Amino acid sequence: MLTHPDNFFHSLQEPYRSCLLFLQKFIREQHDGISEEWHFNTPFYYYNKKWLGFISYHPKTKEIYISFTDGHLMKHKSLKSEGRKKARIFRVDPEKDIDVKALKEILKKACQLKE
């Protein structure tokens, strides 16, 4: 059975559909404690019921990024503040390969902050 995020992602054109579906699956598979909920027309991720972050897809600009709520507490070259005080984002270009090693490291750090 498809979830609301699944339905939303499946409604998009390629390459955005594949990219977002990959990100969704990748995030959920990183730890058993990660869960997904749908809020404000985007998938939000929680680690042991604590807010971890969300995937953002802007339909007009076609920008994709993952926002990490405690990003300001993490040091990683792939995380950018872009004017945000606490959250940091991991930008994704659907036309290029995703740096899964960096994303895995960031997700591990983000989960450790929630323990």
N, C-alpha and C. Protein backbone atom coordinates (compact mmCIF):
# COMPACT_ATOMS: atom_id res chain seq x y z
N MET A 1 0.84 -1.18 0.00
CA MET A 1 0.00 0.00 0.00
C MET A 1 0.89 1.25 0.00
N LEU A 2 0.59 2.18 -0.87
CA LEU A 2 1.38 3.39 -0.98
C LEU A 2 0.98 4.40 0.10
N THR A 3 1.99 5.06 0.66
CA THR A 3 1.74 6.10 1.65
C THR A 3 1.53 7.42 0.92
N HIS A 4 1.13 8.44 1.67
CA HIS A 4 0.93 9.75 1.06
C HIS A 4 2.21 10.25 0.39
N PRO A 5 3.39 10.15 1.04
CA PRO A 5 4.61 10.56 0.35
C PRO A 5 4.86 9.75 -0.92
N ASP A 6 4.59 8.44 -0.86
CA ASP A 6 4.78 7.60 -2.06
C ASP A 6 3.92 8.12 -3.20
N ASN A 7 2.65 8.39 -2.91
CA ASN A 7 1.73 8.89 -3.94
C ASN A 7 2.22 10.20 -4.52
N PHE A 8 2.69 11.09 -3.64
CA PHE A 8 3.20 12.37 -4.10
C PHE A 8 4.41 12.19 -5.01
N PHE A 9 5.38 11.40 -4.56
CA PHE A 9 6.59 11.20 -5.35
C PHE A 9 6.28 10.52 -6.68
N HIS A 10 5.38 9.55 -6.68
CA HIS A 10 5.03 8.85 -7.92
C HIS A 10 4.33 9.76 -8.92
N SER A 11 3.76 10.86 -8.45
CA SER A 11 3.06 11.78 -9.34
C SER A 11 4.02 12.72 -10.09
N LEU A 12 5.28 12.75 -9.70
CA LEU A 12 6.25 13.66 -10.30
C LEU A 12 6.86 13.09 -11.57
N GLN A 13 7.40 13.97 -12.38
CA GLN A 13 8.11 13.58 -13.59
C GLN A 13 9.52 13.12 -13.23
N GLU A 14 10.11 12.34 -14.11
CA GLU A 14 11.51 11.96 -13.98
C GLU A 14 12.37 13.16 -14.29
N PRO A 15 13.52 13.33 -13.73
CA PRO A 15 14.25 12.45 -12.82
C PRO A 15 13.89 12.69 -11.35
N TYR A 16 12.96 13.63 -11.09
CA TYR A 16 12.60 13.99 -9.71
C TYR A 16 11.96 12.82 -8.97
N ARG A 17 11.11 12.09 -9.67
CA ARG A 17 10.44 10.94 -9.05
C ARG A 17 11.46 9.94 -8.52
N SER A 18 12.36 9.49 -9.37
CA SER A 18 13.35 8.49 -8.96
C SER A 18 14.25 9.00 -7.85
N CYS A 19 14.66 10.24 -7.96
CA CYS A 19 15.55 10.83 -6.96
C CYS A 19 14.87 10.88 -5.59
N LEU A 20 13.65 11.36 -5.55
CA LEU A 20 12.94 11.48 -4.27
C LEU A 20 12.58 10.12 -3.70
N LEU A 21 12.19 9.18 -4.54
CA LEU A 21 11.90 7.83 -4.05
C LEU A 21 13.16 7.17 -3.49
N PHE A 22 14.29 7.40 -4.16
CA PHE A 22 15.55 6.86 -3.63
C PHE A 22 15.86 7.47 -2.27
N LEU A 23 15.77 8.80 -2.16
CA LEU A 23 16.07 9.47 -0.89
C LEU A 23 15.17 8.97 0.23
N GLN A 24 13.89 8.83 -0.07
CA GLN A 24 12.94 8.34 0.92
C GLN A 24 13.34 6.95 1.42
N LYS A 25 13.61 6.06 0.51
CA LYS A 25 13.98 4.69 0.87
C LYS A 25 15.32 4.68 1.62
N PHE A 26 16.29 5.43 1.13
CA PHE A 26 17.61 5.47 1.73
C PHE A 26 17.53 5.96 3.18
N ILE A 27 16.80 7.02 3.41
CA ILE A 27 16.67 7.57 4.77
C ILE A 27 16.02 6.55 5.69
N ARG A 28 14.92 5.97 5.26
CA ARG A 28 14.20 5.02 6.12
C ARG A 28 15.02 3.79 6.43
N GLU A 29 15.93 3.40 5.54
CA GLU A 29 16.72 2.18 5.74
C GLU A 29 17.95 2.39 6.62
N GLN A 30 18.28 3.61 6.97
CA GLN A 30 19.51 3.86 7.71
C GLN A 30 19.45 3.44 9.17
N HIS A 31 18.26 3.40 9.73
CA HIS A 31 18.13 3.01 11.13
C HIS A 31 16.69 2.59 11.40
N ASP A 32 16.52 1.56 12.22
CA ASP A 32 15.17 1.08 12.56
C ASP A 32 14.34 2.15 13.26
N GLY A 33 14.99 3.08 13.94
CA GLY A 33 14.28 4.10 14.69
C GLY A 33 13.76 5.25 13.84
N ILE A 34 14.07 5.25 12.53
CA ILE A 34 13.61 6.33 11.66
C ILE A 34 12.21 6.02 11.14
N SER A 35 11.32 7.00 11.30
CA SER A 35 9.96 6.86 10.78
C SER A 35 9.64 8.08 9.93
N GLU A 36 8.60 7.94 9.12
CA GLU A 36 8.21 9.00 8.18
C GLU A 36 6.76 9.40 8.43
N GLU A 37 6.51 10.70 8.40
CA GLU A 37 5.15 11.23 8.50
C GLU A 37 5.00 12.33 7.46
N TRP A 38 3.78 12.59 7.08
CA TRP A 38 3.48 13.60 6.06
C TRP A 38 2.91 14.84 6.74
N HIS A 39 3.64 15.96 6.61
CA HIS A 39 3.20 17.24 7.16
C HIS A 39 3.52 18.34 6.16
N PHE A 40 2.65 19.32 6.05
CA PHE A 40 2.91 20.49 5.21
C PHE A 40 3.32 20.12 3.79
N ASN A 41 2.71 19.09 3.25
CA ASN A 41 2.97 18.61 1.89
C ASN A 41 4.40 18.16 1.65
N THR A 42 5.02 17.61 2.67
CA THR A 42 6.36 17.05 2.52
C THR A 42 6.59 15.94 3.54
N PRO A 43 7.46 14.99 3.23
CA PRO A 43 7.75 13.93 4.20
C PRO A 43 8.71 14.43 5.29
N PHE A 44 8.31 14.22 6.53
CA PHE A 44 9.14 14.55 7.69
C PHE A 44 9.65 13.24 8.27
N TYR A 45 10.88 13.28 8.75
CA TYR A 45 11.50 12.09 9.31
C TYR A 45 11.79 12.30 10.78
N TYR A 46 11.54 11.24 11.53
CA TYR A 46 11.74 11.26 12.97
C TYR A 46 12.65 10.10 13.35
N TYR A 47 13.43 10.34 14.40
CA TYR A 47 14.25 9.27 14.95
C TYR A 47 13.80 9.08 16.39
N ASN A 48 13.27 7.90 16.66
CA ASN A 48 12.71 7.60 17.99
C ASN A 48 11.76 8.71 18.44
N LYS A 49 10.88 9.11 17.51
CA LYS A 49 9.82 10.10 17.73
C LYS A 49 10.34 11.53 17.94
N LYS A 50 11.62 11.76 17.63
CA LYS A 50 12.19 13.11 17.71
C LYS A 50 12.46 13.59 16.29
N TRP A 51 12.12 14.83 16.02
CA TRP A 51 12.20 15.38 14.68
C TRP A 51 13.64 15.40 14.18
N LEU A 52 13.87 14.71 13.06
CA LEU A 52 15.19 14.58 12.46
C LEU A 52 15.36 15.56 11.30
N GLY A 53 14.36 15.64 10.43
CA GLY A 53 14.44 16.53 9.28
C GLY A 53 13.36 16.23 8.27
N PHE A 54 13.50 16.79 7.08
CA PHE A 54 12.50 16.58 6.03
C PHE A 54 13.15 16.71 4.66
N ILE A 55 12.46 16.15 3.67
CA ILE A 55 12.86 16.31 2.28
C ILE A 55 12.05 17.46 1.71
N SER A 56 12.73 18.38 1.04
CA SER A 56 12.04 19.49 0.41
C SER A 56 12.17 19.38 -1.11
N TYR A 57 11.05 19.50 -1.78
CA TYR A 57 11.02 19.56 -3.24
C TYR A 57 10.17 20.76 -3.60
N HIS A 58 10.78 21.70 -4.31
CA HIS A 58 10.05 22.90 -4.72
C HIS A 58 9.59 22.71 -6.16
N PRO A 59 8.27 22.62 -6.39
CA PRO A 59 7.78 22.29 -7.74
C PRO A 59 8.12 23.33 -8.81
N LYS A 60 8.24 24.61 -8.43
CA LYS A 60 8.54 25.63 -9.44
C LYS A 60 10.03 25.67 -9.80
N THR A 61 10.89 25.63 -8.78
CA THR A 61 12.33 25.71 -9.03
C THR A 61 12.95 24.34 -9.25
N LYS A 62 12.23 23.28 -8.89
CA LYS A 62 12.70 21.89 -9.01
C LYS A 62 13.88 21.61 -8.09
N GLU A 63 14.05 22.40 -7.03
CA GLU A 63 15.13 22.18 -6.07
C GLU A 63 14.77 21.07 -5.10
N ILE A 64 15.76 20.25 -4.79
CA ILE A 64 15.60 19.17 -3.82
C ILE A 64 16.69 19.30 -2.78
N TYR A 65 16.29 19.20 -1.52
CA TYR A 65 17.28 19.14 -0.44
C TYR A 65 16.68 18.44 0.76
N ILE A 66 17.57 17.96 1.61
CA ILE A 66 17.15 17.37 2.88
C ILE A 66 17.57 18.36 3.96
N SER A 67 16.62 18.76 4.78
CA SER A 67 16.90 19.69 5.87
C SER A 67 17.01 18.90 7.17
N PHE A 68 18.10 19.15 7.91
CA PHE A 68 18.32 18.49 9.19
C PHE A 68 18.11 19.51 10.30
N THR A 69 17.20 19.19 11.22
CA THR A 69 16.80 20.16 12.25
C THR A 69 17.93 20.59 13.16
N ASP A 70 18.82 19.70 13.51
CA ASP A 70 19.95 20.04 14.38
C ASP A 70 21.24 20.15 13.58
N GLY A 71 21.14 20.58 12.36
CA GLY A 71 22.29 20.68 11.50
C GLY A 71 23.38 21.59 12.02
N HIS A 72 22.98 22.60 12.78
CA HIS A 72 23.98 23.53 13.34
C HIS A 72 24.92 22.85 14.34
N LEU A 73 24.51 21.69 14.83
CA LEU A 73 25.34 20.94 15.77
C LEU A 73 26.25 19.92 15.08
N MET A 74 26.09 19.80 13.76
CA MET A 74 26.88 18.84 12.99
C MET A 74 27.87 19.57 12.10
N LYS A 75 29.05 19.02 12.00
CA LYS A 75 30.07 19.56 11.10
C LYS A 75 30.25 18.58 9.94
N HIS A 76 29.89 19.04 8.75
CA HIS A 76 30.09 18.23 7.55
C HIS A 76 30.14 19.17 6.36
N LYS A 77 31.09 18.94 5.46
CA LYS A 77 31.28 19.83 4.32
C LYS A 77 30.07 19.85 3.37
N SER A 78 29.24 18.84 3.40
CA SER A 78 28.08 18.78 2.51
C SER A 78 26.84 19.47 3.09
N LEU A 79 26.91 19.89 4.34
CA LEU A 79 25.80 20.60 4.96
C LEU A 79 25.99 22.11 4.80
N LYS A 80 24.96 22.79 4.36
CA LYS A 80 25.01 24.23 4.14
C LYS A 80 23.92 24.93 4.96
N SER A 81 24.25 26.10 5.50
CA SER A 81 23.27 26.84 6.30
C SER A 81 22.39 27.72 5.42
N GLU A 82 22.99 28.38 4.44
CA GLU A 82 22.28 29.28 3.53
C GLU A 82 21.34 30.22 4.29
N GLY A 83 21.85 30.78 5.40
CA GLY A 83 21.10 31.75 6.17
C GLY A 83 20.22 31.17 7.28
N ARG A 84 20.16 29.88 7.41
CA ARG A 84 19.35 29.26 8.45
C ARG A 84 20.12 29.29 9.77
N LYS A 85 19.39 29.50 10.87
CA LYS A 85 20.05 29.57 12.17
C LYS A 85 20.38 28.19 12.73
N LYS A 86 19.45 27.26 12.65
CA LYS A 86 19.67 25.93 13.23
C LYS A 86 19.76 24.84 12.20
N ALA A 87 18.84 24.80 11.28
CA ALA A 87 18.82 23.73 10.28
C ALA A 87 19.95 23.89 9.28
N ARG A 88 20.41 22.78 8.78
CA ARG A 88 21.39 22.76 7.70
C ARG A 88 20.83 21.85 6.62
N ILE A 89 21.18 22.14 5.38
CA ILE A 89 20.60 21.36 4.28
C ILE A 89 21.68 20.62 3.50
N PHE A 90 21.23 19.51 2.94
CA PHE A 90 22.03 18.67 2.05
C PHE A 90 21.34 18.77 0.69
N ARG A 91 21.94 19.51 -0.24
CA ARG A 91 21.35 19.70 -1.57
C ARG A 91 21.54 18.46 -2.43
N VAL A 92 20.55 18.20 -3.28
CA VAL A 92 20.58 17.05 -4.16
C VAL A 92 20.24 17.52 -5.58
N ASP A 93 21.06 17.12 -6.52
CA ASP A 93 20.81 17.39 -7.93
C ASP A 93 20.33 16.09 -8.55
N PRO A 94 19.07 16.04 -9.00
CA PRO A 94 18.55 14.78 -9.53
C PRO A 94 19.22 14.34 -10.83
N GLU A 95 19.99 15.22 -11.44
CA GLU A 95 20.69 14.89 -12.68
C GLU A 95 22.07 14.27 -12.41
N LYS A 96 22.50 14.27 -11.14
CA LYS A 96 23.81 13.75 -10.79
C LYS A 96 23.69 12.65 -9.74
N ASP A 97 24.75 11.87 -9.58
CA ASP A 97 24.78 10.85 -8.54
C ASP A 97 24.77 11.51 -7.17
N ILE A 98 24.03 10.92 -6.25
CA ILE A 98 23.96 11.41 -4.88
C ILE A 98 25.17 10.88 -4.12
N ASP A 99 25.77 11.74 -3.33
CA ASP A 99 26.91 11.33 -2.50
C ASP A 99 26.35 10.55 -1.30
N VAL A 100 26.11 9.26 -1.52
CA VAL A 100 25.48 8.44 -0.48
C VAL A 100 26.38 8.26 0.73
N LYS A 101 27.69 8.29 0.53
CA LYS A 101 28.60 8.17 1.66
C LYS A 101 28.42 9.37 2.60
N ALA A 102 28.40 10.56 2.03
CA ALA A 102 28.21 11.78 2.84
C ALA A 102 26.84 11.78 3.50
N LEU A 103 25.80 11.41 2.75
CA LEU A 103 24.46 11.40 3.31
C LEU A 103 24.35 10.39 4.45
N LYS A 104 24.98 9.26 4.30
CA LYS A 104 24.96 8.23 5.36
C LYS A 104 25.65 8.76 6.61
N GLU A 105 26.80 9.43 6.45
CA GLU A 105 27.51 10.01 7.58
C GLU A 105 26.66 11.06 8.29
N ILE A 106 26.00 11.90 7.52
CA ILE A 106 25.16 12.95 8.09
C ILE A 106 23.98 12.35 8.84
N LEU A 107 23.33 11.36 8.25
CA LEU A 107 22.19 10.71 8.92
C LEU A 107 22.63 10.03 10.22
N LYS A 108 23.81 9.43 10.20
CA LYS A 108 24.32 8.79 11.42
C LYS A 108 24.53 9.83 12.52
N LYS A 109 25.15 10.95 12.16
CA LYS A 109 25.37 12.03 13.12
C LYS A 109 24.05 12.60 13.63
N ALA A 110 23.09 12.77 12.71
CA ALA A 110 21.79 13.33 13.10
C ALA A 110 21.08 12.41 14.08
N CYS A 111 21.14 11.10 13.85
CA CYS A 111 20.51 10.14 14.76
C CYS A 111 21.22 10.14 16.11
N GLN A 112 22.54 10.23 16.12
CA GLN A 112 23.30 10.25 17.37
C GLN A 112 22.92 11.46 18.22
N LEU A 113 22.63 12.57 17.59
CA LEU A 113 22.22 13.77 18.33
C LEU A 113 20.88 13.57 19.03
N LYS A 114 20.06 12.68 18.50
CA LYS A 114 18.72 12.44 19.06
C LYS A 114 18.70 11.35 20.11
N GLU A 115 19.82 10.68 20.34
CA GLU A 115 19.86 9.58 21.32
C GLU A 115 19.95 10.11 22.73
